[in-house]
């Protein structure tokens, strides 16, 4: 009897003391949640952000120095510093023609975060941190913003978080359409309708303005079966291929179909294709519509896109990521809303609205179309490098009259290989620092 009692006594004592066998299930530890005080002191130090800007400043400056543009981005930066009192953020302007060769090496201006086009990011890929593990940990970015990140990949790597994206739209003046008795553009309109409306407006004395910059005609050339580069980014064999020549011929024919005069459509302002962010979106006389559906049944687009990257040798990588996350927001919806506003405010066109001027309907409509389009608009192939104080590059161009002349196959076949060689020669001058 004693032999039976002793084991029971030992078991009771063990249970009273909290003993457990190896097979017992351990309770899961409680998650550690940082207090507000701990969150405030988690990050300290200075974070330097290299950014594109329209007015050049050669030395670092504090958020708020640009009172005429980028207001929302600067305000959110100040909010981030209020949330983290131990953090100081300063900006440094970065431009290919000013400091791209020194910004990665000069300690007086070297940033932790740098804003880049996809082309610029490719030039300095070996200096940039792969953001894939951090992106995968973000549960709120699972839809449109994640798609934007994928569109901005550089040679398959996620080194950029898109921060601005400026797609193409169609602006027009409704009162001119009403006066001419021409139906206004609407969602779902086709390229054939675009040409027909353009021709009708031309007859009413309002020559349409089609895309003429290389960045802007890209969606049309791609829809017609052309391409600008091969898989390795080279123009030879792609830009001058027979498929692309045929696409340029069709684009020349499209331009010719928009007028009865046989002259190229130079544009009067009543109907034209332009980037969404800019003066056109603030002009109260304007209305906005999406690009027409292309012959392949798709509404194609592209964007002048920039993203934030973290330098590999930054000592503030965790702080840099936290700041970038804060700027974008926790969800896809927040991220796209913020990107649209950062893009729209960059050129300073919205300053009057902040000073009390009423926003015209076209402004809100353009914001909505931007948010819709940027989710599936890849970076423009020829959105190359950022030059100080203006957006568009210096790559060799063709005037609208020359594009119109490509309707003649002989002209197209003779000139497009020449243009391809000029473009490749220019791109070859854009070297990594």
Protein backbone atom coordinates (compact mmCIF):
# COMPACT_ATOMS: atom_id res chain seq x y z
CA UNK A 1 0.00 0.00 0.00
CA UNK A 2 2.86 2.36 0.86
CA UNK A 3 4.42 1.78 -2.57
CA UNK A 4 1.23 3.06 -4.24
CA UNK A 5 0.91 6.13 -2.01
CA UNK A 6 4.47 7.45 -2.46
CA UNK A 7 4.27 7.87 -6.28
CA UNK A 8 0.92 9.64 -5.89
CA UNK A 9 2.41 11.98 -3.29
CA UNK A 10 5.35 12.74 -5.56
CA UNK A 11 3.05 13.44 -8.52
CA UNK A 12 0.93 15.82 -6.44
CA UNK A 13 4.03 17.65 -5.22
CA UNK A 14 5.36 17.95 -8.77
CA UNK A 15 2.08 19.37 -10.05
CA UNK A 16 1.96 21.82 -7.16
CA UNK A 17 5.48 23.00 -8.04
CA UNK A 18 4.57 23.50 -11.72
CA UNK A 19 6.43 20.48 -13.11
CA UNK A 20 5.61 19.36 -16.63
CA UNK A 21 6.51 16.33 -18.63
CA UNK A 22 8.30 16.64 -22.00
CA UNK A 23 5.08 15.85 -23.82
CA UNK A 24 3.11 18.66 -22.17
CA UNK A 25 2.11 21.58 -24.43
CA UNK A 26 3.79 24.87 -23.49
CA UNK A 27 1.56 27.95 -23.63
CA UNK A 28 2.38 30.39 -26.45
CA UNK A 29 4.24 33.50 -25.26
CA UNK A 30 2.27 36.71 -25.22
CA UNK A 31 3.19 39.01 -28.13
CA UNK A 32 5.35 41.95 -27.16
CA UNK A 33 3.59 45.19 -28.06
CA UNK A 34 5.64 48.34 -27.93
CA UNK A 35 4.22 51.14 -25.83
CA UNK A 36 3.84 54.61 -27.28
CA UNK A 37 6.92 55.69 -25.34
CA UNK A 38 8.95 52.74 -26.66
CA UNK A 39 7.81 53.43 -30.23
CA UNK A 40 8.95 57.04 -29.93
CA UNK A 41 12.47 56.06 -28.84
CA UNK A 42 12.85 53.07 -31.17
CA UNK A 43 14.54 55.15 -33.88
CA UNK A 44 17.10 57.90 -33.47
CA UNK A 45 19.57 59.77 -35.61
CA UNK A 46 19.55 61.55 -38.96
CA UNK A 47 17.97 60.11 -42.09
CA UNK A 48 18.93 61.70 -45.39
CA UNK A 49 16.60 61.35 -48.38
CA UNK A 50 17.84 62.03 -51.91
CA UNK A 51 14.95 63.21 -54.04
CA UNK A 52 14.05 64.61 -57.46
CA UNK A 53 12.89 68.22 -57.37
CA UNK A 54 11.99 70.94 -59.84
CA UNK A 55 13.97 73.68 -58.10
CA UNK A 56 17.57 72.73 -57.46
CA UNK A 57 19.15 73.00 -53.99
CA UNK A 58 22.80 71.96 -53.81
CA UNK A 59 22.90 71.40 -50.04
CA UNK A 60 20.75 69.34 -47.66
CA UNK A 61 17.60 71.06 -46.42
CA UNK A 62 14.81 70.37 -43.95
CA UNK A 63 11.23 69.32 -44.80
CA UNK A 64 9.10 72.39 -45.36
CA UNK A 65 11.71 74.30 -47.34
CA UNK A 66 9.63 73.77 -50.50
CA UNK A 67 6.49 75.72 -49.64
CA UNK A 68 5.27 75.84 -53.25
CA UNK A 69 5.37 72.10 -54.05
CA UNK A 70 5.47 68.60 -52.49
CA UNK A 71 3.38 69.82 -49.57
CA UNK A 72 1.81 66.48 -48.64
CA UNK A 73 5.12 64.60 -48.71
CA UNK A 74 6.78 67.26 -46.56
CA UNK A 75 3.87 67.29 -44.11
CA UNK A 76 3.95 63.53 -43.72
CA UNK A 77 7.71 63.71 -43.19
CA UNK A 78 7.17 66.21 -40.39
CA UNK A 79 4.50 63.95 -38.90
CA UNK A 80 6.97 61.07 -38.95
CA UNK A 81 9.51 63.14 -37.01
CA UNK A 82 6.83 64.08 -34.49
CA UNK A 83 6.08 60.39 -34.05
CA UNK A 84 9.81 59.70 -33.58
CA UNK A 85 11.24 62.71 -31.69
CA UNK A 86 14.76 61.31 -31.82
CA UNK A 87 14.79 61.36 -35.64
CA UNK A 88 15.89 64.19 -37.91
CA UNK A 89 15.15 63.94 -41.66
CA UNK A 90 16.85 66.06 -44.27
CA UNK A 91 16.46 66.13 -48.04
CA UNK A 92 19.11 66.43 -50.72
CA UNK A 93 18.22 67.06 -54.35
CA UNK A 94 19.56 64.47 -56.78
CA UNK A 95 19.86 65.02 -60.53
CA UNK A 96 21.83 63.16 -63.17
CA UNK A 97 23.38 66.32 -64.60
CA UNK A 98 24.29 67.84 -61.23
CA UNK A 99 25.47 65.34 -58.62
CA UNK A 100 24.75 61.76 -59.72
CA UNK A 101 28.47 61.02 -59.89
CA UNK A 102 29.16 62.19 -56.32
CA UNK A 103 25.95 61.57 -54.40
CA UNK A 104 26.94 57.96 -53.69
CA UNK A 105 30.39 58.81 -52.36
CA UNK A 106 30.40 62.33 -50.89
CA UNK A 107 29.60 62.02 -47.15
CA UNK A 108 28.25 65.58 -47.09
CA UNK A 109 25.38 64.70 -49.43
CA UNK A 110 25.22 60.87 -49.49
CA UNK A 111 21.65 59.74 -48.70
CA UNK A 112 20.22 56.68 -46.98
CA UNK A 113 17.22 56.70 -49.35
CA UNK A 114 17.41 57.83 -52.96
CA UNK A 115 14.67 58.52 -55.49
CA UNK A 116 15.35 56.97 -58.88
CA UNK A 117 13.73 56.15 -62.18
CA UNK A 118 13.86 52.47 -63.16
CA UNK A 119 16.63 53.30 -65.65
CA UNK A 120 18.68 55.10 -62.99
CA UNK A 121 18.15 52.19 -60.60
CA UNK A 122 19.54 49.83 -63.23
CA UNK A 123 22.67 51.98 -63.51
CA UNK A 124 23.36 51.67 -59.76
CA UNK A 125 21.73 48.30 -59.03
CA UNK A 126 24.79 46.99 -57.16
CA UNK A 127 24.48 49.85 -54.64
CA UNK A 128 20.82 49.21 -53.76
CA UNK A 129 19.31 46.95 -51.12
CA UNK A 130 16.94 44.20 -52.25
CA UNK A 131 13.63 45.05 -50.56
CA UNK A 132 11.92 41.73 -51.25
CA UNK A 133 12.00 40.35 -47.66
CA UNK A 134 10.59 43.59 -46.29
CA UNK A 135 7.89 43.80 -48.95
CA UNK A 136 6.82 40.21 -48.34
CA UNK A 137 6.31 41.01 -44.66
CA UNK A 138 3.82 43.80 -45.47
CA UNK A 139 0.38 42.24 -45.16
CA UNK A 140 -1.43 45.40 -46.30
CA UNK A 141 0.22 45.53 -49.73
CA UNK A 142 -1.38 42.62 -51.52
CA UNK A 143 -3.14 44.18 -54.51
CA UNK A 144 -2.63 47.28 -56.62
CA UNK A 145 0.43 48.61 -54.83
CA UNK A 146 2.14 45.24 -54.90
CA UNK A 147 1.48 45.21 -58.64
CA UNK A 148 3.14 48.62 -58.92
CA UNK A 149 6.18 47.27 -57.10
CA UNK A 150 6.35 44.41 -59.59
CA UNK A 151 6.09 46.82 -62.52
CA UNK A 152 9.05 48.78 -61.12
CA UNK A 153 11.34 45.75 -60.73
CA UNK A 154 14.86 46.19 -62.05
CA UNK A 155 16.12 43.04 -63.77
CA UNK A 156 13.65 41.09 -61.65
CA UNK A 157 14.71 42.65 -58.33
CA UNK A 158 12.43 44.71 -56.09
CA UNK A 159 14.80 47.57 -55.28
CA UNK A 160 12.27 50.41 -55.70
CA UNK A 161 9.14 51.36 -53.78
CA UNK A 162 7.14 53.50 -56.25
CA UNK A 163 6.59 56.99 -54.83
CA UNK A 164 5.41 58.92 -57.93
CA UNK A 165 3.66 57.73 -61.08
CA UNK A 166 2.37 59.96 -63.86
CA UNK A 167 0.24 58.14 -66.47
CA UNK A 168 -1.25 59.37 -69.74
CA UNK A 169 -4.82 60.64 -70.03
CA UNK A 170 -6.85 62.64 -72.55
CA UNK A 171 -7.82 66.22 -71.76
CA UNK A 172 -10.49 68.07 -73.69
CA UNK A 173 -12.66 71.18 -73.49
CA UNK A 174 -16.34 70.24 -73.17
CA UNK A 175 -17.64 73.63 -74.31
CA UNK A 176 -15.73 73.28 -77.60
CA UNK A 177 -17.26 69.84 -78.10
CA UNK A 178 -20.76 71.12 -77.40
CA UNK A 179 -20.28 74.03 -79.80
CA UNK A 180 -19.09 71.65 -82.52
CA UNK A 181 -21.85 69.09 -81.81
CA UNK A 182 -19.27 66.36 -81.26
CA UNK A 183 -19.79 63.67 -78.58
CA UNK A 184 -17.38 63.84 -75.67
CA UNK A 185 -14.85 61.06 -74.96
CA UNK A 186 -15.96 58.43 -72.47
CA UNK A 187 -14.60 55.35 -70.75
CA UNK A 188 -14.32 52.45 -73.19
CA UNK A 189 -14.00 54.55 -76.34
CA UNK A 190 -11.86 52.96 -79.03
CA UNK A 191 -8.91 54.19 -81.04
CA UNK A 192 -11.18 54.40 -84.09
CA UNK A 193 -13.55 56.66 -82.14
CA UNK A 194 -10.60 58.75 -80.98
CA UNK A 195 -9.54 59.30 -84.59
CA UNK A 196 -13.11 60.05 -85.71
CA UNK A 197 -13.68 62.56 -82.90
CA UNK A 198 -10.34 64.15 -83.69
CA UNK A 199 -11.31 64.49 -87.35
CA UNK A 200 -14.68 66.05 -86.44
CA UNK A 201 -13.02 68.53 -84.10
CA UNK A 202 -10.48 69.35 -86.81
CA UNK A 203 -13.33 70.19 -89.19
CA UNK A 204 -14.70 72.51 -86.50
CA UNK A 205 -11.38 74.32 -86.37
CA UNK A 206 -9.87 72.53 -83.37
CA UNK A 207 -6.99 70.35 -84.51
CA UNK A 208 -6.50 67.44 -82.06
CA UNK A 209 -3.23 66.90 -80.20
CA UNK A 210 -2.14 63.23 -80.27
CA UNK A 211 0.89 61.84 -78.46
CA UNK A 212 4.14 63.02 -80.01
CA UNK A 213 6.90 62.44 -77.44
CA UNK A 214 8.57 59.05 -77.57
CA UNK A 215 7.50 58.32 -74.00
CA UNK A 216 3.90 59.08 -74.91
CA UNK A 217 3.57 57.17 -78.18
CA UNK A 218 4.91 54.00 -76.56
CA UNK A 219 1.48 52.54 -75.65
CA UNK A 220 0.33 52.98 -79.25
CA UNK A 221 3.46 51.41 -80.77
CA UNK A 222 3.22 48.46 -78.38
CA UNK A 223 -0.47 48.00 -79.16
CA UNK A 224 0.39 47.91 -82.88
CA UNK A 225 2.87 45.08 -82.26
CA UNK A 226 6.12 47.02 -81.92
CA UNK A 227 8.66 47.16 -79.13
CA UNK A 228 11.46 49.50 -78.18
CA UNK A 229 14.02 47.16 -76.61
CA UNK A 230 14.87 43.48 -76.46
CA UNK A 231 15.00 41.44 -73.26
CA UNK A 232 18.49 42.78 -72.53
CA UNK A 233 17.46 46.40 -72.96
CA UNK A 234 19.13 46.89 -76.33
CA UNK A 235 17.41 48.81 -79.12
CA UNK A 236 19.10 47.04 -82.04
CA UNK A 237 16.85 44.32 -83.38
CA UNK A 238 13.82 45.69 -81.51
CA UNK A 239 13.30 49.40 -82.19
CA UNK A 240 14.41 48.93 -85.79
CA UNK A 241 12.67 45.57 -86.31
CA UNK A 242 10.14 45.10 -89.08
CA UNK A 243 7.39 44.67 -86.48
CA UNK A 244 8.22 48.04 -84.92
CA UNK A 245 8.57 49.72 -88.32
CA UNK A 246 5.08 48.46 -89.18
CA UNK A 247 3.80 49.80 -85.85
CA UNK A 248 5.24 53.25 -86.63
CA UNK A 249 3.65 53.11 -90.08
CA UNK A 250 0.27 52.45 -88.48
CA UNK A 251 0.83 55.30 -86.04
CA UNK A 252 1.63 57.61 -88.94
CA UNK A 253 -1.60 56.50 -90.59
CA UNK A 254 -3.49 57.20 -87.35
CA UNK A 255 -2.13 60.75 -87.27
CA UNK A 256 -3.16 61.26 -90.89
CA UNK A 257 -6.69 60.00 -90.20
CA UNK A 258 -7.27 62.74 -87.61
CA UNK A 259 -7.31 65.59 -90.15
CA UNK A 260 -8.83 66.16 -93.57
CA UNK A 261 -6.09 68.52 -94.68
CA UNK A 262 -3.34 65.93 -94.97
CA UNK A 263 -1.31 67.97 -92.48
CA UNK A 264 -0.19 66.52 -89.16
CA UNK A 265 -2.44 67.29 -86.16
CA UNK A 266 -0.44 69.82 -84.13
CA UNK A 267 -3.12 70.32 -81.50
CA UNK A 268 -5.26 73.32 -80.55
CA UNK A 269 -5.99 72.43 -76.93
CA UNK A 270 -9.55 71.22 -77.47
CA UNK A 271 -8.52 67.53 -77.43
CA UNK A 272 -5.05 66.26 -76.55
CA UNK A 273 -3.08 63.48 -74.88
CA UNK A 274 -0.90 64.51 -71.95
CA UNK A 275 0.49 63.36 -68.63
CA UNK A 276 -2.12 63.48 -65.88
CA UNK A 277 -0.13 65.53 -63.36
CA UNK A 278 0.38 69.11 -64.47
CA UNK A 279 -1.38 72.30 -65.43
CA UNK A 280 -4.00 70.54 -67.58
CA UNK A 281 -5.48 68.88 -64.48
CA UNK A 282 -6.01 72.26 -62.81
CA UNK A 283 -7.48 74.14 -65.80
CA UNK A 284 -11.17 74.68 -65.06
CA UNK A 285 -11.98 74.66 -68.78
CA UNK A 286 -10.82 71.04 -69.10
CA UNK A 287 -12.39 67.65 -68.61
CA UNK A 288 -10.50 64.36 -68.57
CA UNK A 289 -10.95 60.89 -70.06
CA UNK A 290 -8.83 57.73 -70.18
CA UNK A 291 -6.80 56.70 -73.20
CA UNK A 292 -8.86 54.88 -75.84
CA UNK A 293 -8.99 51.11 -76.05
CA UNK A 294 -6.37 49.90 -78.54
CA UNK A 295 -6.97 47.56 -81.49
CA UNK A 296 -5.78 44.60 -79.40
CA UNK A 297 -8.74 45.17 -77.06
CA UNK A 298 -6.63 46.60 -74.23
CA UNK A 299 -6.32 50.10 -72.84
CA UNK A 300 -2.57 50.37 -72.63
CA UNK A 301 -0.67 53.02 -70.73
CA UNK A 302 2.71 53.77 -69.21
CA UNK A 303 3.93 56.12 -66.49
CA UNK A 304 6.75 58.43 -65.62
CA UNK A 305 7.52 56.55 -62.41
CA UNK A 306 10.04 57.05 -59.65
CA UNK A 307 10.69 54.96 -56.57
CA UNK A 308 12.58 55.14 -53.30
CA UNK A 309 15.55 52.82 -52.85
CA UNK A 310 17.71 52.11 -49.78
CA UNK A 311 21.47 52.17 -50.20
CA UNK A 312 23.23 48.97 -49.19
CA UNK A 313 25.79 50.79 -47.06
CA UNK A 314 23.27 52.96 -45.20
CA UNK A 315 23.57 52.74 -41.43
CA UNK A 316 19.90 53.60 -41.07
CA UNK A 317 18.25 50.86 -43.12
CA UNK A 318 15.59 50.04 -40.50
CA UNK A 319 14.74 53.71 -40.05
CA UNK A 320 14.72 54.19 -43.83
CA UNK A 321 12.21 51.37 -44.30
CA UNK A 322 10.00 52.64 -41.48
CA UNK A 323 9.93 56.11 -43.07
CA UNK A 324 9.11 54.74 -46.53
CA UNK A 325 6.30 52.62 -45.07
CA UNK A 326 4.93 55.67 -43.29
CA UNK A 327 4.96 57.80 -46.45
CA UNK A 328 3.03 55.17 -48.38
CA UNK A 329 0.58 53.90 -45.77
CA UNK A 330 -0.47 50.51 -44.50
CA UNK A 331 -2.84 49.48 -47.31
CA UNK A 332 -2.93 49.43 -51.10
CA UNK A 333 -5.60 52.12 -51.08
CA UNK A 334 -3.57 54.47 -48.88
CA UNK A 335 -0.43 53.88 -50.93
CA UNK A 336 -2.10 54.75 -54.25
CA UNK A 337 -3.85 57.80 -52.77
CA UNK A 338 -0.53 59.10 -51.45
CA UNK A 339 1.35 58.39 -54.68
CA UNK A 340 -1.27 60.26 -56.71
CA UNK A 341 -0.98 63.31 -54.46
CA UNK A 342 2.83 63.20 -54.32
CA UNK A 343 2.86 63.10 -58.12
CA UNK A 344 0.29 65.85 -58.59
CA UNK A 345 1.96 68.24 -56.12
CA UNK A 346 5.48 67.80 -57.45
CA UNK A 347 5.32 70.59 -60.06
CA UNK A 348 3.62 73.12 -57.79
CA UNK A 349 0.45 73.35 -59.87
CA UNK A 350 -1.79 72.71 -56.85
CA UNK A 351 -0.45 75.53 -54.65
CA UNK A 352 -3.44 77.78 -55.40
CA UNK A 353 -5.83 75.15 -54.06
CA UNK A 354 -4.00 75.15 -50.73
CA UNK A 355 -4.31 78.92 -50.64
CA UNK A 356 -8.08 78.79 -50.91
CA UNK A 357 -8.82 78.60 -54.62
CA UNK A 358 -11.65 76.19 -55.41
CA UNK A 359 -10.63 72.96 -57.11
CA UNK A 360 -12.27 72.54 -60.54
CA UNK A 361 -14.08 69.24 -61.25
CA UNK A 362 -11.33 68.15 -63.65
CA UNK A 363 -8.85 68.03 -60.77
CA UNK A 364 -10.75 65.44 -58.74
CA UNK A 365 -11.60 63.47 -61.89
CA UNK A 366 -7.92 63.40 -62.88
CA UNK A 367 -6.90 62.15 -59.42
CA UNK A 368 -9.40 59.31 -59.73
CA UNK A 369 -8.18 58.33 -63.19
CA UNK A 370 -4.57 58.50 -62.04
CA UNK A 371 -5.30 56.11 -59.18
CA UNK A 372 -6.97 53.71 -61.60
CA UNK A 373 -4.26 53.85 -64.26
CA UNK A 374 -1.04 53.72 -62.19
CA UNK A 375 -1.89 50.29 -60.84
CA UNK A 376 -1.19 48.73 -64.23
CA UNK A 377 1.05 51.29 -66.00
CA UNK A 378 4.70 50.19 -66.31
CA UNK A 379 7.55 52.72 -66.34
CA UNK A 380 8.02 54.31 -69.77
CA UNK A 381 11.00 52.76 -71.55
CA UNK A 382 12.48 56.14 -72.39
CA UNK A 383 11.93 57.69 -68.97
CA UNK A 384 15.69 57.63 -68.51
CA UNK A 385 17.33 60.01 -66.05
CA UNK A 386 16.23 63.04 -64.07
CA UNK A 387 17.75 66.36 -65.07
CA UNK A 388 17.68 69.31 -62.69
CA UNK A 389 14.62 71.53 -62.94
CA UNK A 390 12.85 69.77 -65.82
CA UNK A 391 11.38 66.32 -66.32
CA UNK A 392 11.87 65.33 -69.93
CA UNK A 393 15.21 64.03 -71.14
CA UNK A 394 17.44 65.01 -73.98
CA UNK A 395 17.15 61.84 -76.06
CA UNK A 396 16.98 62.27 -79.87
CA UNK A 397 13.43 63.10 -80.95
CA UNK A 398 11.23 63.17 -84.03
CA UNK A 399 8.77 66.00 -84.62
CA UNK A 400 5.07 65.32 -85.15
CA UNK A 401 5.50 66.05 -88.85
CA UNK A 402 8.14 63.31 -89.09
CA UNK A 403 5.95 60.82 -87.21
CA UNK A 404 3.12 61.74 -89.57
CA UNK A 405 5.47 61.05 -92.48
CA UNK A 406 6.00 57.48 -91.31
CA UNK A 407 2.66 56.67 -92.97
CA UNK A 408 4.87 56.28 -96.03
CA UNK A 409 6.55 52.87 -95.59
CA UNK A 410 9.67 53.94 -97.44
CA UNK A 411 10.16 56.92 -95.15
CA UNK A 412 9.63 54.79 -92.05
CA UNK A 413 12.04 52.06 -93.16
CA UNK A 414 14.70 54.62 -94.01
CA UNK A 415 14.53 56.73 -90.86
CA UNK A 416 13.62 54.42 -87.97
CA UNK A 417 16.97 52.51 -88.02
CA UNK A 418 18.72 55.89 -87.99
CA UNK A 419 16.61 57.01 -85.02
CA UNK A 420 17.34 53.73 -83.23
CA UNK A 421 21.08 54.25 -83.67
CA UNK A 422 20.83 57.83 -82.39
CA UNK A 423 18.89 56.70 -79.35
CA UNK A 424 21.30 53.87 -78.57
CA UNK A 425 24.25 56.23 -78.88
CA UNK A 426 22.60 58.60 -76.42
CA UNK A 427 21.75 55.83 -73.95
CA UNK A 428 25.34 54.59 -74.08
CA UNK A 429 26.47 57.97 -72.71
CA UNK A 430 24.39 57.47 -69.56
CA UNK A 431 26.84 55.66 -67.34
CA UNK A 432 26.80 54.51 -63.75
CA UNK A 433 28.73 56.77 -61.34
